[in-house]
Protein backbone atom coordinates (compact mmCIF):
# COMPACT_ATOMS: atom_id res chain seq x y z
CA PRO A 1 -2.88 -4.82 -0.79
CA PHE A 2 -5.38 -2.08 -0.20
CA SER A 3 -8.22 -4.49 -0.99
CA ASP A 4 -7.58 -6.26 2.34
CA ILE A 5 -8.68 -3.11 4.15
CA LEU A 6 -11.43 -2.34 1.66
CA HIS A 7 -13.15 -5.70 2.17
CA SER A 8 -12.64 -6.10 5.91
CA THR A 9 -14.94 -4.86 8.64
CA ASP A 10 -14.56 -3.36 12.09
CA THR A 11 -11.94 -5.18 14.16
CA ARG A 12 -10.44 -6.98 11.19
CA ARG A 13 -9.91 -3.65 9.39
CA VAL A 14 -8.07 -2.28 12.41
CA GLU A 15 -5.89 -5.39 12.52
CA GLN A 16 -5.12 -5.13 8.79
CA LEU A 17 -4.19 -1.46 9.02
CA SER A 18 -2.07 -2.07 12.10
CA ALA A 19 -0.18 -4.86 10.32
CA MET A 20 0.38 -2.64 7.29
CA LEU A 21 1.68 0.19 9.47
CA GLU A 22 4.13 -2.20 11.14
CA SER A 23 5.28 -3.49 7.75
CA ALA A 24 5.71 0.09 6.52
CA LYS A 25 7.95 0.86 9.53
CA ILE A 26 10.16 -2.14 8.72
CA VAL A 27 10.31 -1.22 5.03
CA SER A 28 11.33 2.35 5.92
CA LYS A 29 13.85 1.27 8.54
CA PHE A 30 15.69 -1.13 6.24
CA LYS A 31 15.06 0.84 3.02
CA VAL A 32 13.56 -2.20 1.31
CA PRO A 33 11.82 -1.72 -2.04
CA PHE A 34 8.07 -2.19 -1.89
CA VAL A 35 5.03 -2.23 -4.14
CA LEU A 36 1.86 -0.37 -3.30
CA CYS A 37 -1.15 -1.81 -5.11
CA SER A 38 -4.91 -1.92 -4.92
CA GLY A 39 -5.10 -5.71 -5.10
CA ALA A 40 -8.28 -5.28 -7.13
CA LEU A 41 -10.18 -8.45 -7.87
CA SER A 42 -12.98 -6.66 -9.71
CA PRO A 43 -13.45 -3.33 -11.49
CA ARG A 44 -15.23 -1.95 -8.41
CA ASP A 45 -12.08 -2.56 -6.36
CA MET A 46 -9.90 -0.44 -8.63
CA ARG A 47 -8.47 2.67 -7.00
CA SER A 48 -6.93 5.71 -8.61
CA GLN A 49 -3.29 6.58 -8.28
CA SER A 50 -4.22 9.53 -6.06
CA ASP A 51 -6.14 7.19 -3.72
CA LEU A 52 -3.11 4.93 -3.38
CA LEU A 53 -0.86 7.97 -2.97
CA SER A 54 -3.00 9.11 -0.05
CA PHE A 55 -2.93 5.63 1.46
CA GLY A 56 0.87 5.54 1.14
CA ARG A 57 1.04 8.83 3.04
CA ILE A 58 -1.10 7.32 5.80
CA LEU A 59 1.43 4.49 6.00
CA GLY A 60 4.17 7.08 6.47
CA PHE A 61 5.92 7.00 3.11
CA SER A 62 7.12 10.07 1.25
CA ASP A 63 5.68 11.03 -2.14
CA PRO A 64 8.82 9.94 -4.07
CA GLN A 65 8.79 6.55 -2.29
CA ILE A 66 5.12 6.07 -3.09
CA LYS A 67 5.47 7.10 -6.74
CA SER A 68 8.34 4.65 -7.11
CA ALA A 69 6.24 1.91 -5.50
CA LEU A 70 3.35 2.64 -7.88
CA SER A 71 5.45 2.93 -11.04
CA GLY A 72 6.13 -0.76 -11.55
CA ASN A 73 9.91 -0.31 -11.63
CA ILE A 74 10.34 -2.71 -8.74
CA VAL A 75 8.28 -5.39 -10.45
CA GLU A 76 10.34 -5.04 -13.62
CA LYS A 77 13.58 -5.43 -11.63
CA LEU A 78 12.35 -8.60 -9.97
């Protein structure tokens, strides 16, 4: 979740982002459904849909992929 990056510092943040980028490549390569979430543990950790949309773009996903990942459809299917 995004909160991993939000709460990490320096080197750990770089490691977290790198791991997420690698995961995003695998998800895209194999066309696996995914969920993009804030992982908020408190109200201060909450992020808007546009923030998560921007983060999804950084990870290399298209807008339709991101909107599907944010919509909750995948969670309902599982």
